[in-house]
C-alpha atoms as a PDB file:
ATOM      1  CA  UNK A   1      -3.807 -73.846 -37.018  1.00  0.00           C
ATOM      2  CA  UNK A   2      -0.271 -73.933 -35.744  1.00  0.00           C
ATOM      3  CA  UNK A   3       0.834 -71.446 -38.403  1.00  0.00           C
ATOM      4  CA  UNK A   4      -2.068 -69.174 -37.539  1.00  0.00           C
ATOM      5  CA  UNK A   5      -1.069 -69.284 -33.857  1.00  0.00           C
ATOM      6  CA  UNK A   6       2.526 -68.371 -34.733  1.00  0.00           C
ATOM      7  CA  UNK A   7       1.258 -65.467 -36.847  1.00  0.00           C
ATOM      8  CA  UNK A   8      -0.944 -64.205 -34.012  1.00  0.00           C
ATOM      9  CA  UNK A   9       1.967 -64.475 -31.562  1.00  0.00           C
ATOM     10  CA  UNK A  10       4.229 -62.568 -33.972  1.00  0.00           C
ATOM     11  CA  UNK A  11       1.672 -59.811 -34.504  1.00  0.00           C
ATOM     12  CA  UNK A  12       1.000 -59.547 -30.758  1.00  0.00           C
ATOM     13  CA  UNK A  13       4.755 -59.313 -30.036  1.00  0.00           C
ATOM     14  CA  UNK A  14       5.316 -56.665 -32.687  1.00  0.00           C
ATOM     15  CA  UNK A  15       2.382 -54.572 -31.439  1.00  0.00           C
ATOM     16  CA  UNK A  16       3.616 -54.873 -27.854  1.00  0.00           C
ATOM     17  CA  UNK A  17       7.181 -54.072 -28.871  1.00  0.00           C
ATOM     18  CA  UNK A  18       6.024 -51.043 -30.884  1.00  0.00           C
ATOM     19  CA  UNK A  19       3.899 -49.805 -27.979  1.00  0.00           C
ATOM     20  CA  UNK A  20       6.879 -50.159 -25.635  1.00  0.00           C
ATOM     21  CA  UNK A  21       9.204 -48.328 -28.010  1.00  0.00           C
ATOM     22  CA  UNK A  22       6.600 -45.604 -28.563  1.00  0.00           C
ATOM     23  CA  UNK A  23       6.233 -45.168 -24.807  1.00  0.00           C
ATOM     24  CA  UNK A  24       9.990 -44.819 -24.457  1.00  0.00           C
ATOM     25  CA  UNK A  25      10.082 -42.188 -27.223  1.00  0.00           C
ATOM     26  CA  UNK A  26       7.176 -40.224 -25.705  1.00  0.00           C
ATOM     27  CA  UNK A  27       8.769 -40.405 -22.261  1.00  0.00           C
ATOM     28  CA  UNK A  28      12.043 -39.183 -23.722  1.00  0.00           C
ATOM     29  CA  UNK A  29      10.320 -36.250 -25.410  1.00  0.00           C
ATOM     30  CA  UNK A  30       8.539 -35.334 -22.175  1.00  0.00           C
ATOM     31  CA  UNK A  31      11.761 -35.523 -20.179  1.00  0.00           C
ATOM     32  CA  UNK A  32      13.599 -33.460 -22.779  1.00  0.00           C
ATOM     33  CA  UNK A  33      10.827 -30.862 -22.906  1.00  0.00           C
ATOM     34  CA  UNK A  34      10.509 -30.714 -19.129  1.00  0.00           C
ATOM     35  CA  UNK A  35      14.252 -30.563 -18.652  1.00  0.00           C
ATOM     36  CA  UNK A  36      14.615 -27.872 -21.287  1.00  0.00           C
ATOM     37  CA  UNK A  37      11.859 -25.836 -19.668  1.00  0.00           C
ATOM     38  CA  UNK A  38      13.550 -26.164 -16.293  1.00  0.00           C
ATOM     39  CA  UNK A  39      16.901 -25.127 -17.752  1.00  0.00           C
ATOM     40  CA  UNK A  40      15.248 -22.148 -19.431  1.00  0.00           C
ATOM     41  CA  UNK A  41      13.708 -21.025 -16.140  1.00  0.00           C
ATOM     42  CA  UNK A  42      17.051 -21.354 -14.389  1.00  0.00           C
ATOM     43  CA  UNK A  43      18.758 -19.376 -17.135  1.00  0.00           C
ATOM     44  CA  UNK A  44      16.174 -16.597 -16.867  1.00  0.00           C
ATOM     45  CA  UNK A  45      16.493 -16.546 -13.080  1.00  0.00           C
ATOM     46  CA  UNK A  46      20.259 -16.223 -13.425  1.00  0.00           C
ATOM     47  CA  UNK A  47      19.854 -13.380 -15.939  1.00  0.00           C
ATOM     48  CA  UNK A  48      17.577 -11.541 -13.517  1.00  0.00           C
ATOM     49  CA  UNK A  49      20.016 -12.101 -10.653  1.00  0.00           C
ATOM     50  CA  UNK A  50      22.891 -10.746 -12.737  1.00  0.00           C
ATOM     51  CA  UNK A  51      20.825  -7.743 -13.846  1.00  0.00           C
ATOM     52  CA  UNK A  52      19.884  -6.975 -10.242  1.00  0.00           C
ATOM     53  CA  UNK A  53      23.524  -7.192  -9.214  1.00  0.00           C
ATOM     54  CA  UNK A  54      24.461  -4.642 -11.890  1.00  0.00           C
ATOM     55  CA  UNK A  55      21.661  -2.340 -10.735  1.00  0.00           C
ATOM     56  CA  UNK A  56      22.829  -2.665  -7.137  1.00  0.00           C
ATOM     57  CA  UNK A  57      26.408  -1.758  -8.096  1.00  0.00           C
ATOM     58  CA  UNK A  58      25.147   1.213 -10.106  1.00  0.00           C
ATOM     59  CA  UNK A  59      23.011   2.419  -7.197  1.00  0.00           C
ATOM     60  CA  UNK A  60      26.019   2.145  -4.881  1.00  0.00           C
ATOM     61  CA  UNK A  61      28.042   4.249  -7.331  1.00  0.00           C
ATOM     62  CA  UNK A  62      25.280   6.862  -7.480  1.00  0.00           C
ATOM     63  CA  UNK A  63      25.051   6.886  -3.689  1.00  0.00           C
ATOM     64  CA  UNK A  64      28.775   7.596  -3.350  1.00  0.00           C
ATOM     65  CA  UNK A  65      28.602  10.374  -5.963  1.00  0.00           C
ATOM     66  CA  UNK A  66      25.574  11.948  -4.263  1.00  0.00           C
ATOM     67  CA  UNK A  67      27.363  11.880  -0.915  1.00  0.00           C
ATOM     68  CA  UNK A  68      30.402  13.566  -2.462  1.00  0.00           C
ATOM     69  CA  UNK A  69      28.479  16.294  -4.289  1.00  0.00           C
ATOM     70  CA  UNK A  70      26.384  16.849  -1.162  1.00  0.00           C
ATOM     71  CA  UNK A  71      29.536  17.516   0.886  1.00  0.00           C
ATOM     72  CA  UNK A  72      30.877  19.836  -1.823  1.00  0.00           C
ATOM     73  CA  UNK A  73      27.657  21.867  -1.958  1.00  0.00           C
ATOM     74  CA  UNK A  74      27.526  22.039   1.831  1.00  0.00           C
ATOM     75  CA  UNK A  75      31.031  23.483   2.182  1.00  0.00           C
ATOM     76  CA  UNK A  76      30.444  25.957  -0.680  1.00  0.00           C
ATOM     77  CA  UNK A  77      27.377  27.200   1.141  1.00  0.00           C
ATOM     78  CA  UNK A  78      29.101  27.228   4.517  1.00  0.00           C
ATOM     79  CA  UNK A  79      31.990  29.278   3.088  1.00  0.00           C
ATOM     80  CA  UNK A  80      29.653  31.813   1.463  1.00  0.00           C
ATOM     81  CA  UNK A  81      27.519  32.245   4.572  1.00  0.00           C
ATOM     82  CA  UNK A  82      30.613  32.654   6.725  1.00  0.00           C
ATOM     83  CA  UNK A  83      31.993  35.441   4.513  1.00  0.00           C
ATOM     84  CA  UNK A  84      28.658  37.282   4.438  1.00  0.00           C
ATOM     85  CA  UNK A  85      28.235  36.957   8.190  1.00  0.00           C
ATOM     86  CA  UNK A  86      31.412  38.967   8.761  1.00  0.00           C
ATOM     87  CA  UNK A  87      31.233  41.279   5.733  1.00  0.00           C
ATOM     88  CA  UNK A  88      30.765  44.355   7.946  1.00  0.00           C
ATOM     89  CA  UNK A  89      33.431  43.339  10.442  1.00  0.00           C
ATOM     90  CA  UNK A  90      35.992  40.984   8.927  1.00  0.00           C
ATOM     91  CA  UNK A  91      38.402  41.574  11.811  1.00  0.00           C
ATOM     92  CA  UNK A  92      36.192  39.322  13.940  1.00  0.00           C
ATOM     93  CA  UNK A  93      36.385  36.461  11.429  1.00  0.00           C
ATOM     94  CA  UNK A  94      38.954  33.697  11.770  1.00  0.00           C
ATOM     95  CA  UNK A  95      41.806  34.174   9.317  1.00  0.00           C
ATOM     96  CA  UNK A  96      42.236  30.403   9.134  1.00  0.00           C
ATOM     97  CA  UNK A  97      38.574  29.972   8.177  1.00  0.00           C
ATOM     98  CA  UNK A  98      38.771  32.765   5.617  1.00  0.00           C
ATOM     99  CA  UNK A  99      41.800  31.076   4.086  1.00  0.00           C
ATOM    100  CA  UNK A 100      40.159  27.638   4.048  1.00  0.00           C
ATOM    101  CA  UNK A 101      37.034  29.068   2.407  1.00  0.00           C
ATOM    102  CA  UNK A 102      38.997  31.180  -0.086  1.00  0.00           C
ATOM    103  CA  UNK A 103      38.117  29.264  -3.274  1.00  0.00           C
ATOM    104  CA  UNK A 104      35.093  27.122  -2.337  1.00  0.00           C
ATOM    105  CA  UNK A 105      32.368  29.610  -3.350  1.00  0.00           C
ATOM    106  CA  UNK A 106      33.850  29.882  -6.826  1.00  0.00           C
ATOM    107  CA  UNK A 107      34.187  26.205  -7.728  1.00  0.00           C
ATOM    108  CA  UNK A 108      32.110  24.607 -10.481  1.00  0.00           C
ATOM    109  CA  UNK A 109      31.249  20.915 -10.149  1.00  0.00           C
ATOM    110  CA  UNK A 110      28.628  18.554 -11.497  1.00  0.00           C
ATOM    111  CA  UNK A 111      26.821  15.305 -10.828  1.00  0.00           C
ATOM    112  CA  UNK A 112      25.815  12.856 -13.538  1.00  0.00           C
ATOM    113  CA  UNK A 113      23.276  10.171 -12.660  1.00  0.00           C
ATOM    114  CA  UNK A 114      24.347   6.724 -13.851  1.00  0.00           C
ATOM    115  CA  UNK A 115      21.444   4.754 -15.374  1.00  0.00           C
ATOM    116  CA  UNK A 116      23.099   2.285 -17.783  1.00  0.00           C
ATOM    117  CA  UNK A 117      22.235  -0.821 -15.729  1.00  0.00           C
ATOM    118  CA  UNK A 118      18.596   0.232 -15.433  1.00  0.00           C
ATOM    119  CA  UNK A 119      18.329   0.932 -19.167  1.00  0.00           C
ATOM    120  CA  UNK A 120      19.840  -2.470 -20.003  1.00  0.00           C
ATOM    121  CA  UNK A 121      17.353  -4.125 -17.630  1.00  0.00           C
ATOM    122  CA  UNK A 122      14.403  -2.324 -19.235  1.00  0.00           C
ATOM    123  CA  UNK A 123      15.549  -3.265 -22.747  1.00  0.00           C
ATOM    124  CA  UNK A 124      16.121  -6.922 -21.834  1.00  0.00           C
ATOM    125  CA  UNK A 125      12.388  -7.638 -21.230  1.00  0.00           C
ATOM    126  CA  UNK A 126      13.327  -9.243 -17.897  1.00  0.00           C
ATOM    127  CA  UNK A 127      11.284  -6.832 -15.772  1.00  0.00           C
ATOM    128  CA  UNK A 128       7.892  -8.553 -16.396  1.00  0.00           C
ATOM    129  CA  UNK A 129       9.415 -11.835 -15.204  1.00  0.00           C
ATOM    130  CA  UNK A 130      10.340 -10.437 -11.789  1.00  0.00           C
ATOM    131  CA  UNK A 131       7.556 -11.507  -9.452  1.00  0.00           C
ATOM    132  CA  UNK A 132       8.427  -8.928  -6.786  1.00  0.00           C
ATOM    133  CA  UNK A 133       6.733  -5.899  -8.336  1.00  0.00           C
ATOM    134  CA  UNK A 134       7.315  -3.889  -5.155  1.00  0.00           C
ATOM    135  CA  UNK A 135      11.056  -4.157  -5.773  1.00  0.00           C
ATOM    136  CA  UNK A 136      10.678  -2.993  -9.380  1.00  0.00           C
ATOM    137  CA  UNK A 137       8.652   0.049  -8.268  1.00  0.00           C
ATOM    138  CA  UNK A 138      11.217   0.784  -5.559  1.00  0.00           C
ATOM    139  CA  UNK A 139      14.052   0.686  -8.097  1.00  0.00           C
ATOM    140  CA  UNK A 140      12.210   2.999 -10.520  1.00  0.00           C
ATOM    141  CA  UNK A 141      11.374   5.440  -7.706  1.00  0.00           C
ATOM    142  CA  UNK A 142      15.006   5.486  -6.580  1.00  0.00           C
ATOM    143  CA  UNK A 143      16.341   6.233 -10.051  1.00  0.00           C
ATOM    144  CA  UNK A 144      13.773   9.018 -10.437  1.00  0.00           C
ATOM    145  CA  UNK A 145      15.059  10.614  -7.227  1.00  0.00           C
ATOM    146  CA  UNK A 146      18.659  10.289  -8.432  1.00  0.00           C
ATOM    147  CA  UNK A 147      17.737  12.136 -11.623  1.00  0.00           C
ATOM    148  CA  UNK A 148      16.059  14.863  -9.537  1.00  0.00           C
ATOM    149  CA  UNK A 149      19.352  15.318  -7.664  1.00  0.00           C
ATOM    150  CA  UNK A 150      21.105  15.663 -11.025  1.00  0.00           C
ATOM    151  CA  UNK A 151      18.580  18.339 -12.051  1.00  0.00           C
ATOM    152  CA  UNK A 152      19.036  20.260  -8.784  1.00  0.00           C
ATOM    153  CA  UNK A 153      22.830  20.215  -9.071  1.00  0.00           C
ATOM    154  CA  UNK A 154      22.664  21.304 -12.711  1.00  0.00           C
ATOM    155  CA  UNK A 155      20.264  24.137 -11.872  1.00  0.00           C
ATOM    156  CA  UNK A 156      22.530  25.303  -9.049  1.00  0.00           C
ATOM    157  CA  UNK A 157      25.763  25.321 -11.044  1.00  0.00           C
ATOM    158  CA  UNK A 158      24.157  26.772 -14.174  1.00  0.00           C
ATOM    159  CA  UNK A 159      22.907  29.782 -12.210  1.00  0.00           C
ATOM    160  CA  UNK A 160      26.135  30.057 -10.265  1.00  0.00           C
ATOM    161  CA  UNK A 161      28.071  30.110 -13.537  1.00  0.00           C
ATOM    162  CA  UNK A 162      25.895  32.954 -14.811  1.00  0.00           C
ATOM    163  CA  UNK A 163      26.627  34.997 -11.693  1.00  0.00           C
ATOM    164  CA  UNK A 164      30.330  34.212 -11.931  1.00  0.00           C
ATOM    165  CA  UNK A 165      30.426  35.293 -15.570  1.00  0.00           C
ATOM    166  CA  UNK A 166      29.582  38.803 -14.371  1.00  0.00           C
ATOM    167  CA  UNK A 167      32.810  38.772 -12.375  1.00  0.00           C
ATOM    168  CA  UNK A 168      34.829  38.384 -15.572  1.00  0.00           C
ATOM    169  CA  UNK A 169      33.680  41.777 -16.804  1.00  0.00           C
ATOM    170  CA  UNK A 170      35.352  43.517 -13.867  1.00  0.00           C
ATOM    171  CA  UNK A 171      38.897  43.504 -15.159  1.00  0.00           C
ATOM    172  CA  UNK A 172      40.130  45.960 -12.549  1.00  0.00           C
ATOM    173  CA  UNK A 173      38.789  43.756  -9.763  1.00  0.00           C
ATOM    174  CA  UNK A 174      40.373  40.624 -11.234  1.00  0.00           C
ATOM    175  CA  UNK A 175      43.727  42.347 -11.632  1.00  0.00           C
ATOM    176  CA  UNK A 176      43.801  43.672  -8.061  1.00  0.00           C
ATOM    177  CA  UNK A 177      42.637  40.386  -6.557  1.00  0.00           C
ATOM    178  CA  UNK A 178      45.266  38.471  -8.505  1.00  0.00           C
ATOM    179  CA  UNK A 179      47.926  40.896  -7.255  1.00  0.00           C
ATOM    180  CA  UNK A 180      46.896  40.337  -3.624  1.00  0.00           C
ATOM    181  CA  UNK A 181      46.877  36.560  -4.109  1.00  0.00           C
ATOM    182  CA  UNK A 182      50.360  36.573  -5.629  1.00  0.00           C
ATOM    183  CA  UNK A 183      51.722  38.730  -2.820  1.00  0.00           C
ATOM    184  CA  UNK A 184      50.626  36.097  -0.307  1.00  0.00           C
ATOM    185  CA  UNK A 185      47.271  34.671   0.709  1.00  0.00           C
ATOM    186  CA  UNK A 186      48.016  34.304   4.401  1.00  0.00           C
ATOM    187  CA  UNK A 187      49.182  37.871   4.993  1.00  0.00           C
ATOM    188  CA  UNK A 188      46.536  39.416   2.720  1.00  0.00           C
ATOM    189  CA  UNK A 189      43.550  37.209   3.582  1.00  0.00           C
ATOM    190  CA  UNK A 190      41.563  40.010   5.254  1.00  0.00           C
ATOM    191  CA  UNK A 191      42.211  42.392   2.362  1.00  0.00           C
ATOM    192  CA  UNK A 192      41.320  39.756  -0.212  1.00  0.00           C
ATOM    193  CA  UNK A 193      37.932  39.076   1.357  1.00  0.00           C
ATOM    194  CA  UNK A 194      37.256  42.731   2.036  1.00  0.00           C
ATOM    195  CA  UNK A 195      38.014  43.462  -1.586  1.00  0.00           C
ATOM    196  CA  UNK A 196      35.752  40.639  -2.735  1.00  0.00           C
ATOM    197  CA  UNK A 197      32.842  41.718  -0.574  1.00  0.00           C
ATOM    198  CA  UNK A 198      32.907  45.214  -2.062  1.00  0.00           C
ATOM    199  CA  UNK A 199      32.520  43.735  -5.553  1.00  0.00           C
ATOM    200  CA  UNK A 200      28.872  43.643  -6.624  1.00  0.00           C
ATOM    201  CA  UNK A 201      29.237  40.504  -8.841  1.00  0.00           C
ATOM    202  CA  UNK A 202      31.139  38.613  -6.111  1.00  0.00           C
ATOM    203  CA  UNK A 203      28.544  39.620  -3.531  1.00  0.00           C
ATOM    204  CA  UNK A 204      25.829  38.313  -5.860  1.00  0.00           C
ATOM    205  CA  UNK A 205      27.592  34.951  -6.143  1.00  0.00           C
ATOM    206  CA  UNK A 206      27.880  34.632  -2.360  1.00  0.00           C
ATOM    207  CA  UNK A 207      24.271  35.730  -1.848  1.00  0.00           C
ATOM    208  CA  UNK A 208      22.975  33.237  -4.404  1.00  0.00           C
ATOM    209  CA  UNK A 209      24.893  30.343  -2.848  1.00  0.00           C
ATOM    210  CA  UNK A 210      23.802  31.293   0.673  1.00  0.00           C
ATOM    211  CA  UNK A 211      20.144  31.570  -0.276  1.00  0.00           C
ATOM    212  CA  UNK A 212      19.916  28.446  -2.418  1.00  0.00           C
ATOM    213  CA  UNK A 213      18.380  25.223  -1.144  1.00  0.00           C
ATOM    214  CA  UNK A 214      19.955  24.284   2.200  1.00  0.00           C
ATOM    215  CA  UNK A 215      22.716  21.791   1.418  1.00  0.00           C
ATOM    216  CA  UNK A 216      23.978  21.461   4.986  1.00  0.00           C
ATOM    217  CA  UNK A 217      23.140  17.746   5.097  1.00  0.00           C
ATOM    218  CA  UNK A 218      23.408  17.049   1.380  1.00  0.00           C
ATOM    219  CA  UNK A 219      20.565  14.850   0.131  1.00  0.00           C
ATOM    220  CA  UNK A 220      19.667  12.676   3.166  1.00  0.00           C
ATOM    221  CA  UNK A 221      16.241  11.575   1.891  1.00  0.00           C
ATOM    222  CA  UNK A 222      17.714  10.260  -1.352  1.00  0.00           C
ATOM    223  CA  UNK A 223      20.546   8.523   0.493  1.00  0.00           C
ATOM    224  CA  UNK A 224      17.991   6.825   2.764  1.00  0.00           C
ATOM    225  CA  UNK A 225      15.991   5.675  -0.263  1.00  0.00           C
ATOM    226  CA  UNK A 226      19.169   4.344  -1.892  1.00  0.00           C
ATOM    227  CA  UNK A 227      20.075   2.425   1.262  1.00  0.00           C
ATOM    228  CA  UNK A 228      16.604   0.855   1.410  1.00  0.00           C
ATOM    229  CA  UNK A 229      16.635  -0.153  -2.263  1.00  0.00           C
ATOM    230  CA  UNK A 230      20.125  -1.636  -2.109  1.00  0.00           C
ATOM    231  CA  UNK A 231      19.096  -3.628   0.964  1.00  0.00           C
ATOM    232  CA  UNK A 232      15.964  -4.915  -0.798  1.00  0.00           C
ATOM    233  CA  UNK A 233      18.068  -6.127  -3.733  1.00  0.00           C
ATOM    234  CA  UNK A 234      20.545  -7.819  -1.387  1.00  0.00           C
ATOM    235  CA  UNK A 235      17.697  -9.590   0.417  1.00  0.00           C
ATOM    236  CA  UNK A 236      16.263 -10.738  -2.910  1.00  0.00           C
ATOM    237  CA  UNK A 237      19.622 -12.081  -4.036  1.00  0.00           C
ATOM    238  CA  UNK A 238      19.730 -14.371  -0.988  1.00  0.00           C
ATOM    239  CA  UNK A 239      17.141 -17.013  -1.963  1.00  0.00           C
ATOM    240  CA  UNK A 240      17.212 -18.224  -5.558  1.00  0.00           C
ATOM    241  CA  UNK A 241      14.391 -17.578  -7.943  1.00  0.00           C
ATOM    242  CA  UNK A 242      12.646 -14.459  -9.169  1.00  0.00           C
END
């Protein structure tokens, strides 16, 4: 009987010990799984935050470039309109203004939309994990508008280049204009512009620039949209999470 009691005690202890050890193992697995899941969520949240920061920087770069090209287009148009306004009476035009505007109508520039950060974000499969879908739509809309600006600028300079190519065929005009420029811009400014305005290809360039989309204020609607989107990203980056 005593041996049987000892055996029962031993079996009971081993079962209890095994149950305790099993509980510890299960608890450890749960903690590890839960902790790993939490770490994974934090890692994803950090990835999203970093991606948003890159997008914000890229939008800021695009905003600066749009502001710059907007100012360039505005002064090109202002210069062309000024010359045409006084084409029949250049003596009433300001010589200083004519000198300042001398080369602006004949410059060729460009604007390239930067979209690398957005493309990286789209390829990373992070977008579906961003809970704020309004922000995602806002970002996509903003980039679409940036690309439209790129298309407008390209259209403008492509056509302007075509008109300017016609100027190259007038060798006599180019030779005489170059001669006046070399003799001195300041003293010949009236003659230079008078000579230009009698050239059909030059007049076409000035007329095209003057009649194109009004660039006086650049692209204010797009700049406003960029400001709003950048602010939304900054507000999102305040509290943690996605």
